[in-house]
Amino acid sequence: MLKFTTGVVKIWFYDNHRIYLSHRKVMNMRANAPSEGEMVLLNILWDHERPMSVRELHELLGDKEVGYTTTLKQMQRMQEKGLVDRSTEGRLHLYFPLIKRDIVRDNMLQQMVENVFQGSAMDLVLHAIEQGPITKEQLESLEEWINEQKKLHE
């Protein structure tokens, strides 16, 4: 069993599976919000649900324009920001996310609502719907949601 204590969380691994995660302090998501490139790497880590080496991450990026050392440097910066941490197995460094996908999504969406749509989530939703074709099933789902909301406000 491997045990890590970082400035953000305590994590134990057993057979490479995360079995415990507890936040000791809440990170400032505004100051440490992931960039577009960092989000790509975080999504890979979240999707694979296991610690990964820079080599694995770099290969999964599939971008021939980005070199291995660029991926390494980006992971190091993400560690400094508190987005990821790493464990060491021999000479191998394995990176794992310190934040949950839903927390990042919620914070980034809230920032977009505040900064782009002047605090109006409805404007965001309407804008998103207007961006492309919407299927009949999606319209029915939206209509169902609206009807549920109406019932809650009666």
Protein backbone atom coordinates (compact mmCIF):
# COMPACT_ATOMS: atom_id res chain seq x y z
CA MET A 1 0.00 0.00 0.00
CA LEU A 2 1.27 3.48 -0.91
CA LYS A 3 0.37 6.50 1.22
CA PHE A 4 0.67 10.16 0.22
CA THR A 5 0.08 13.36 2.10
CA THR A 6 0.08 16.54 0.04
CA GLY A 7 -0.89 20.09 0.83
CA VAL A 8 -4.36 19.39 -0.50
CA VAL A 9 -5.38 15.78 0.19
CA LYS A 10 -4.44 12.47 1.74
CA ILE A 11 -4.57 9.55 -0.65
CA TRP A 12 -3.96 5.87 -0.17
CA PHE A 13 -3.54 3.45 -3.04
CA TYR A 14 -4.00 -0.27 -2.84
CA ASP A 15 -3.21 -2.26 -5.97
CA ASN A 16 -3.16 1.04 -7.90
CA HIS A 17 -6.75 1.85 -6.95
CA ARG A 18 -7.59 4.93 -4.98
CA ILE A 19 -9.41 3.84 -1.85
CA TYR A 20 -9.52 7.00 0.25
CA LEU A 21 -9.59 10.67 -0.55
CA SER A 22 -10.23 13.45 1.93
CA HIS A 23 -9.89 17.17 1.30
CA ARG A 24 -7.96 18.97 4.02
CA LYS A 25 -8.41 22.39 2.50
CA VAL A 26 -10.42 23.79 -0.34
CA MET A 27 -8.27 25.09 -3.15
CA ASN A 28 -8.98 28.43 -4.76
CA MET A 29 -10.50 27.29 -8.07
CA ARG A 30 -10.46 30.80 -9.53
CA ALA A 31 -6.74 31.19 -9.02
CA ASN A 32 -5.97 27.60 -10.01
CA ALA A 33 -8.57 27.05 -12.73
CA PRO A 34 -7.27 24.58 -15.31
CA SER A 35 -6.34 25.90 -18.74
CA GLU A 36 -7.69 24.25 -21.89
CA GLY A 37 -4.57 22.08 -22.20
CA GLU A 38 -4.70 21.14 -18.52
CA MET A 39 -8.35 20.13 -18.94
CA VAL A 40 -7.35 17.70 -21.69
CA LEU A 41 -4.83 16.05 -19.37
CA LEU A 42 -7.24 16.03 -16.41
CA ASN A 43 -9.92 14.41 -18.57
CA ILE A 44 -7.50 11.64 -19.52
CA LEU A 45 -6.68 11.04 -15.84
CA TRP A 46 -10.35 11.10 -14.82
CA ASP A 47 -11.36 8.79 -17.67
CA HIS A 48 -8.68 6.20 -16.85
CA GLU A 49 -9.30 6.36 -13.08
CA ARG A 50 -5.72 5.45 -12.19
CA PRO A 51 -2.39 7.21 -11.79
CA MET A 52 -0.53 7.58 -15.08
CA SER A 53 3.01 8.35 -16.19
CA VAL A 54 3.84 11.34 -18.36
CA ARG A 55 4.73 8.90 -21.15
CA GLU A 56 1.23 7.35 -21.01
CA LEU A 57 -0.43 10.76 -20.93
CA HIS A 58 1.70 12.02 -23.79
CA GLU A 59 0.88 9.00 -25.95
CA LEU A 60 -2.84 9.36 -25.24
CA LEU A 61 -2.73 13.02 -26.27
CA GLY A 62 -1.86 11.86 -29.77
CA ASP A 63 -0.72 15.37 -30.69
CA LYS A 64 2.44 15.09 -32.79
CA GLU A 65 3.00 18.84 -32.40
CA VAL A 66 3.48 18.59 -28.62
CA GLY A 67 6.74 17.09 -27.40
CA TYR A 68 7.19 14.82 -24.40
CA THR A 69 9.05 17.52 -22.46
CA THR A 70 6.14 19.93 -23.01
CA THR A 71 3.74 17.37 -21.53
CA LEU A 72 6.14 16.82 -18.61
CA LYS A 73 6.42 20.56 -17.94
CA GLN A 74 2.64 20.94 -18.09
CA MET A 75 2.19 18.15 -15.53
CA GLN A 76 4.78 19.81 -13.27
CA ARG A 77 2.91 23.13 -13.50
CA MET A 78 -0.37 21.34 -12.75
CA GLN A 79 1.26 19.86 -9.65
CA GLU A 80 2.39 23.33 -8.54
CA LYS A 81 -1.19 24.61 -9.00
CA GLY A 82 -2.55 21.76 -6.88
CA LEU A 83 -4.50 20.15 -9.73
CA VAL A 84 -2.51 16.89 -9.65
CA ASP A 85 0.08 15.18 -7.52
CA ARG A 86 2.45 12.35 -8.19
CA SER A 87 3.73 9.21 -6.60
CA THR A 88 7.06 7.55 -7.30
CA GLU A 89 7.56 3.89 -8.07
CA GLY A 90 11.28 3.43 -8.64
CA ARG A 91 12.16 5.93 -11.34
CA LEU A 92 8.57 6.17 -12.57
CA HIS A 93 6.43 9.18 -11.61
CA LEU A 94 2.69 8.51 -11.66
CA TYR A 95 0.33 11.49 -11.73
CA PHE A 96 -3.21 11.51 -10.34
CA PRO A 97 -5.85 14.26 -10.05
CA LEU A 98 -6.38 16.02 -6.74
CA ILE A 99 -9.71 17.51 -7.75
CA LYS A 100 -12.92 15.88 -8.89
CA ARG A 101 -14.32 16.40 -12.38
CA ASP A 102 -17.69 17.65 -11.05
CA ILE A 103 -16.04 20.29 -8.87
CA VAL A 104 -14.06 21.65 -11.83
CA ARG A 105 -17.13 21.63 -14.08
CA ASP A 106 -19.27 23.40 -11.48
CA ASN A 107 -16.65 26.08 -10.83
CA MET A 108 -15.90 26.71 -14.51
CA LEU A 109 -19.60 26.86 -15.38
CA GLN A 110 -20.27 29.27 -12.53
CA GLN A 111 -17.42 31.51 -13.72
CA MET A 112 -18.85 31.48 -17.25
CA VAL A 113 -22.34 32.34 -15.99
CA GLU A 114 -20.95 35.22 -13.91
CA ASN A 115 -18.45 36.60 -16.43
CA VAL A 116 -20.07 35.98 -19.81
CA PHE A 117 -23.80 35.91 -19.04
CA GLN A 118 -23.88 38.51 -16.22
CA GLY A 119 -25.08 35.93 -13.70
CA SER A 120 -27.96 34.58 -15.80
CA ALA A 121 -27.91 30.79 -16.07
CA MET A 122 -31.03 31.06 -18.24
CA ASP A 123 -29.16 33.17 -20.79
CA LEU A 124 -26.43 30.51 -20.87
CA VAL A 125 -28.99 27.75 -21.47
CA LEU A 126 -30.82 29.67 -24.19
CA HIS A 127 -27.55 30.55 -25.89
CA ALA A 128 -26.42 26.91 -25.81
CA ILE A 129 -29.72 25.70 -27.29
CA GLU A 130 -29.49 28.26 -30.11
CA GLN A 131 -26.02 27.08 -31.13
CA GLY A 132 -27.05 24.03 -33.09
CA PRO A 133 -29.79 21.70 -34.13
CA ILE A 134 -31.75 20.13 -31.32
CA THR A 135 -33.38 16.72 -31.68
CA LYS A 136 -37.01 15.94 -30.95
CA GLU A 137 -35.87 13.77 -28.02
CA GLN A 138 -33.84 16.62 -26.58
CA LEU A 139 -36.81 18.98 -26.92
CA GLU A 140 -39.06 16.46 -25.17
CA SER A 141 -36.50 16.08 -22.39
CA LEU A 142 -36.28 19.85 -22.01
CA GLU A 143 -40.07 20.14 -22.00
CA GLU A 144 -40.26 17.45 -19.30
CA TRP A 145 -37.74 19.31 -17.18
CA ILE A 146 -39.68 22.59 -17.61
CA ASN A 147 -42.91 20.89 -16.55
CA GLU A 148 -41.19 19.48 -13.44
CA GLN A 149 -39.89 22.95 -12.57
CA LYS A 150 -43.38 24.42 -12.97
CA LYS A 151 -44.77 21.84 -10.53
CA LEU A 152 -42.08 22.74 -7.99
CA HIS A 153 -43.03 26.42 -8.19
CA GLU A 154 -46.81 26.01 -7.82
